[in-house]
C-alpha atoms as a PDB file:
ATOM      1  CA  MET A   1     134.923 137.762 137.317  1.00  0.00           C
ATOM      2  CA  SER A   2     132.510 140.961 136.444  1.00  0.00           C
ATOM      3  CA  THR A   3     128.663 140.040 137.399  1.00  0.00           C
ATOM      4  CA  ILE A   4     127.212 140.088 133.783  1.00  0.00           C
ATOM      5  CA  ASN A   5     130.129 137.843 132.836  1.00  0.00           C
ATOM      6  CA  ARG A   6     128.933 135.189 135.526  1.00  0.00           C
ATOM      7  CA  GLN A   7     125.499 135.931 134.229  1.00  0.00           C
ATOM      8  CA  ILE A   8     126.302 135.340 130.398  1.00  0.00           C
ATOM      9  CA  VAL A   9     128.408 132.053 132.150  1.00  0.00           C
ATOM     10  CA  ALA A  10     125.133 130.850 134.138  1.00  0.00           C
ATOM     11  CA  LEU A  11     122.971 131.586 131.207  1.00  0.00           C
ATOM     12  CA  LEU A  12     124.611 129.535 128.927  1.00  0.00           C
ATOM     13  CA  LEU A  13     124.895 126.932 131.461  1.00  0.00           C
ATOM     14  CA  ALA A  14     121.211 126.754 131.601  1.00  0.00           C
ATOM     15  CA  PHE A  15     120.423 126.610 127.952  1.00  0.00           C
ATOM     16  CA  SER A  16     123.564 123.621 127.809  1.00  0.00           C
ATOM     17  CA  LEU A  17     120.749 121.731 130.433  1.00  0.00           C
ATOM     18  CA  VAL A  18     118.050 122.501 128.285  1.00  0.00           C
ATOM     19  CA  ALA A  19     119.157 121.791 124.884  1.00  0.00           C
ATOM     20  CA  LEU A  20     120.872 118.173 125.587  1.00  0.00           C
ATOM     21  CA  PRO A  21     118.367 116.015 126.443  1.00  0.00           C
ATOM     22  CA  THR A  22     116.405 117.432 122.886  1.00  0.00           C
ATOM     23  CA  MET A  23     119.198 115.798 121.072  1.00  0.00           C
ATOM     24  CA  SER A  24     118.457 113.870 117.963  1.00  0.00           C
ATOM     25  CA  PHE A  25     119.830 110.763 116.671  1.00  0.00           C
ATOM     26  CA  ALA A  26     122.238 112.631 113.737  1.00  0.00           C
ATOM     27  CA  GLN A  27     124.044 115.144 117.185  1.00  0.00           C
ATOM     28  CA  THR A  28     124.304 112.225 119.332  1.00  0.00           C
ATOM     29  CA  LYS A  29     127.650 110.044 118.521  1.00  0.00           C
ATOM     30  CA  ASP A  30     127.686 107.368 121.088  1.00  0.00           C
ATOM     31  CA  VAL A  31     123.924 106.254 120.835  1.00  0.00           C
ATOM     32  CA  SER A  32     123.773 102.267 122.935  1.00  0.00           C
ATOM     33  CA  PRO A  33     122.363  99.704 120.819  1.00  0.00           C
ATOM     34  CA  SER A  34     119.480  98.702 122.709  1.00  0.00           C
ATOM     35  CA  SER A  35     118.258 102.338 122.441  1.00  0.00           C
ATOM     36  CA  VAL A  36     117.808 102.364 118.932  1.00  0.00           C
ATOM     37  CA  ILE A  37     115.547  98.852 118.766  1.00  0.00           C
ATOM     38  CA  GLY A  38     112.093 100.195 118.126  1.00  0.00           C
ATOM     39  CA  THR A  39     113.059 103.340 116.938  1.00  0.00           C
ATOM     40  CA  VAL A  40     110.326 104.087 114.218  1.00  0.00           C
ATOM     41  CA  VAL A  41     111.516 105.285 110.917  1.00  0.00           C
ATOM     42  CA  ARG A  42     108.604 107.088 108.686  1.00  0.00           C
ATOM     43  CA  PHE A  43     109.310 106.940 104.651  1.00  0.00           C
ATOM     44  CA  THR A  44     107.162 109.139 103.293  1.00  0.00           C
ATOM     45  CA  GLY A  45     106.126 110.288  99.482  1.00  0.00           C
ATOM     46  CA  GLY A  46     103.317 112.625  98.058  1.00  0.00           C
ATOM     47  CA  ALA A  47     100.266 110.961 100.522  1.00  0.00           C
ATOM     48  CA  THR A  48     101.752 107.960 101.115  1.00  0.00           C
ATOM     49  CA  THR A  49     103.973 106.515 104.348  1.00  0.00           C
ATOM     50  CA  VAL A  50     105.490 103.832 105.431  1.00  0.00           C
ATOM     51  CA  ASP A  51     107.257 102.904 109.059  1.00  0.00           C
ATOM     52  CA  VAL A  52     109.808 100.887 109.693  1.00  0.00           C
ATOM     53  CA  THR A  53     110.271 100.058 113.076  1.00  0.00           C
ATOM     54  CA  VAL A  54     114.452  99.354 113.802  1.00  0.00           C
ATOM     55  CA  GLY A  55     114.684  96.100 115.059  1.00  0.00           C
ATOM     56  CA  GLU A  56     118.820  95.742 115.908  1.00  0.00           C
ATOM     57  CA  GLY A  57     121.207  98.442 117.354  1.00  0.00           C
ATOM     58  CA  SER A  58     123.923  97.093 115.287  1.00  0.00           C
ATOM     59  CA  PRO A  59     126.377 100.110 114.218  1.00  0.00           C
ATOM     60  CA  ALA A  60     125.000 100.183 110.189  1.00  0.00           C
ATOM     61  CA  VAL A  61     121.484 100.782 112.066  1.00  0.00           C
ATOM     62  CA  ARG A  62     122.939 103.309 114.476  1.00  0.00           C
ATOM     63  CA  ASP A  63     124.660 104.847 111.431  1.00  0.00           C
ATOM     64  CA  PHE A  64     121.950 105.242 109.369  1.00  0.00           C
ATOM     65  CA  LEU A  65     119.768 106.632 111.983  1.00  0.00           C
ATOM     66  CA  SER A  66     122.412 109.720 112.168  1.00  0.00           C
ATOM     67  CA  MET A  67     121.953 109.972 108.936  1.00  0.00           C
ATOM     68  CA  LEU A  68     118.257 110.953 108.653  1.00  0.00           C
ATOM     69  CA  PRO A  69     116.605 113.161 108.037  1.00  0.00           C
ATOM     70  CA  LEU A  70     117.355 112.309 104.355  1.00  0.00           C
ATOM     71  CA  THR A  71     115.397 112.378 101.530  1.00  0.00           C
ATOM     72  CA  LEU A  72     115.576 109.454  99.161  1.00  0.00           C
ATOM     73  CA  GLU A  73     114.081 108.159  95.783  1.00  0.00           C
ATOM     74  CA  LEU A  74     112.648 104.336  95.672  1.00  0.00           C
ATOM     75  CA  GLU A  75     113.589 101.971  92.191  1.00  0.00           C
ATOM     76  CA  GLU A  76     112.454  98.529  91.856  1.00  0.00           C
ATOM     77  CA  PHE A  77     115.086  95.913  91.765  1.00  0.00           C
ATOM     78  CA  ALA A  78     114.502  92.117  90.498  1.00  0.00           C
ATOM     79  CA  GLY A  79     110.923  91.578  91.152  1.00  0.00           C
ATOM     80  CA  ARG A  80     112.081  91.280  94.712  1.00  0.00           C
ATOM     81  CA  GLU A  81     112.767  94.531  96.686  1.00  0.00           C
ATOM     82  CA  LYS A  82     112.458  98.559  96.538  1.00  0.00           C
ATOM     83  CA  ILE A  83     115.612  99.810  96.665  1.00  0.00           C
ATOM     84  CA  SER A  84     117.548 102.690  96.915  1.00  0.00           C
ATOM     85  CA  TYR A  85     121.085 104.116  97.283  1.00  0.00           C
ATOM     86  CA  LEU A  86     121.899 106.603 100.783  1.00  0.00           C
ATOM     87  CA  PRO A  87     124.407 109.477 100.130  1.00  0.00           C
ATOM     88  CA  ARG A  88     127.532 107.071 101.531  1.00  0.00           C
ATOM     89  CA  LYS A  89     128.173 104.152 102.857  1.00  0.00           C
ATOM     90  CA  LEU A  90     127.673 103.096 106.411  1.00  0.00           C
ATOM     91  CA  LYS A  91     129.622 102.160 108.996  1.00  0.00           C
ATOM     92  CA  HIS A  92     128.965  98.634 109.016  1.00  0.00           C
ATOM     93  CA  SER A  93     131.804  96.838 111.023  1.00  0.00           C
ATOM     94  CA  GLY A  94     130.421  94.658 113.787  1.00  0.00           C
ATOM     95  CA  SER A  95     127.150  94.525 112.222  1.00  0.00           C
ATOM     96  CA  PRO A  96     125.378  90.989 111.816  1.00  0.00           C
ATOM     97  CA  GLY A  97     124.273  89.597 108.526  1.00  0.00           C
ATOM     98  CA  SER A  98     120.984  88.446 107.715  1.00  0.00           C
ATOM     99  CA  ASP A  99     118.638  85.682 106.557  1.00  0.00           C
ATOM    100  CA  PRO A 100     115.600  88.439 105.079  1.00  0.00           C
ATOM    101  CA  GLU A 101     112.230  87.571 105.461  1.00  0.00           C
ATOM    102  CA  ASP A 102     109.501  89.815 103.494  1.00  0.00           C
ATOM    103  CA  GLY A 103     108.399  93.083 105.206  1.00  0.00           C
ATOM    104  CA  ASP A 104     112.553  93.577 106.209  1.00  0.00           C
ATOM    105  CA  LEU A 105     114.089  96.702 105.592  1.00  0.00           C
ATOM    106  CA  ILE A 106     117.898  96.028 104.765  1.00  0.00           C
ATOM    107  CA  TYR A 107     121.177  97.711 104.127  1.00  0.00           C
ATOM    108  CA  PHE A 108     123.066  95.889 101.400  1.00  0.00           C
ATOM    109  CA  VAL A 109     127.133  96.459 101.910  1.00  0.00           C
ATOM    110  CA  PRO A 110     128.853  95.751  98.545  1.00  0.00           C
ATOM    111  CA  TRP A 111     125.957  98.408  96.548  1.00  0.00           C
ATOM    112  CA  GLY A 112     125.606 100.779  99.630  1.00  0.00           C
ATOM    113  CA  ASN A 113     121.869 100.687  99.247  1.00  0.00           C
ATOM    114  CA  LEU A 114     118.610  99.920 101.219  1.00  0.00           C
ATOM    115  CA  GLY A 115     116.381  97.428 100.367  1.00  0.00           C
ATOM    116  CA  PHE A 116     112.473  96.982 101.260  1.00  0.00           C
ATOM    117  CA  TYR A 117     112.130  93.395 100.721  1.00  0.00           C
ATOM    118  CA  TYR A 118     108.646  91.837  99.515  1.00  0.00           C
ATOM    119  CA  ASP A 119     109.498  88.798  97.705  1.00  0.00           C
ATOM    120  CA  THR A 120     112.274  87.012  99.810  1.00  0.00           C
ATOM    121  CA  ALA A 121     111.871  83.419  97.883  1.00  0.00           C
ATOM    122  CA  GLY A 122     115.198  81.916  97.598  1.00  0.00           C
ATOM    123  CA  ILE A 123     117.208  84.573  99.292  1.00  0.00           C
ATOM    124  CA  ASP A 124     119.119  83.103 102.264  1.00  0.00           C
ATOM    125  CA  TYR A 125     121.796  84.320 104.867  1.00  0.00           C
ATOM    126  CA  SER A 126     124.060  86.903 104.188  1.00  0.00           C
ATOM    127  CA  ASP A 127     127.138  88.684 105.894  1.00  0.00           C
ATOM    128  CA  GLN A 128     126.410  91.565 103.305  1.00  0.00           C
ATOM    129  CA  THR A 129     122.340  92.038 104.111  1.00  0.00           C
ATOM    130  CA  LEU A 130     121.870  93.797 107.054  1.00  0.00           C
ATOM    131  CA  HIS A 131     118.962  93.925 108.938  1.00  0.00           C
ATOM    132  CA  ILE A 132     117.851  97.690 109.846  1.00  0.00           C
ATOM    133  CA  GLY A 133     113.834  96.835 110.551  1.00  0.00           C
ATOM    134  CA  THR A 134     110.378  95.626 109.388  1.00  0.00           C
ATOM    135  CA  TYR A 135     107.538  97.306 107.906  1.00  0.00           C
ATOM    136  CA  LYS A 136     104.185  96.268 107.655  1.00  0.00           C
ATOM    137  CA  ALA A 137     102.992  97.690 103.991  1.00  0.00           C
ATOM    138  CA  SER A 138     101.558  95.812 100.441  1.00  0.00           C
ATOM    139  CA  LEU A 139     103.470  96.036  97.810  1.00  0.00           C
ATOM    140  CA  GLY A 140     101.167  98.450  96.274  1.00  0.00           C
ATOM    141  CA  THR A 141     101.724 100.934  98.900  1.00  0.00           C
ATOM    142  CA  LEU A 142     105.824 100.288  98.376  1.00  0.00           C
ATOM    143  CA  ASN A 143     104.917 100.978  94.354  1.00  0.00           C
ATOM    144  CA  LYS A 144     103.207 104.545  95.467  1.00  0.00           C
ATOM    145  CA  LEU A 145     106.931 105.552  96.835  1.00  0.00           C
ATOM    146  CA  THR A 146     108.694 104.772  93.622  1.00  0.00           C
ATOM    147  CA  GLY A 147     110.128 107.409  91.332  1.00  0.00           C
ATOM    148  CA  GLN A 148     109.593 110.409  93.768  1.00  0.00           C
ATOM    149  CA  PRO A 149     111.337 112.301  96.369  1.00  0.00           C
ATOM    150  CA  VAL A 150     110.690 110.482  99.633  1.00  0.00           C
ATOM    151  CA  THR A 151     111.760 111.594 102.735  1.00  0.00           C
ATOM    152  CA  VAL A 152     113.250 109.481 105.890  1.00  0.00           C
ATOM    153  CA  GLU A 153     112.638 110.808 109.171  1.00  0.00           C
ATOM    154  CA  ILE A 154     112.683 109.458 112.946  1.00  0.00           C
ATOM    155  CA  LEU A 155     109.476 109.867 114.327  1.00  0.00           C
ATOM    156  CA  GLN A 156     109.656 111.592 118.242  1.00  0.00           C
END
């Protein structure tokens, strides 16, 4: 192998060793369940932000994180939640259902949507309601996110 070819190979190897540790969830195929718990996902619309802390390492959560960043639009649904449809349904096989509480971000399997619950009175456990994480925001703050493009990204 010529000296130039060896130098090129060495440079490529050095670059790959520097670039690999900085890969995002979107670039990583096999993210371990425990490594995503505690991840903060920020929803930003205009000057309003809502941070969601991931509480599960389920297949649905890992697939959601792999889609980020993306832009969604939230809308009101049934006086209980703000919802948004993802570009595609999440891969969720093996993800546990949940008994949602106010302040939960969920994924509803039949419709393929995310939901920010703010009034869960009378809503019980369902295998079709998958817990993504929790947020601390008022209904007024959630209202400010509706009807406009909302950027969704992982905070580094």
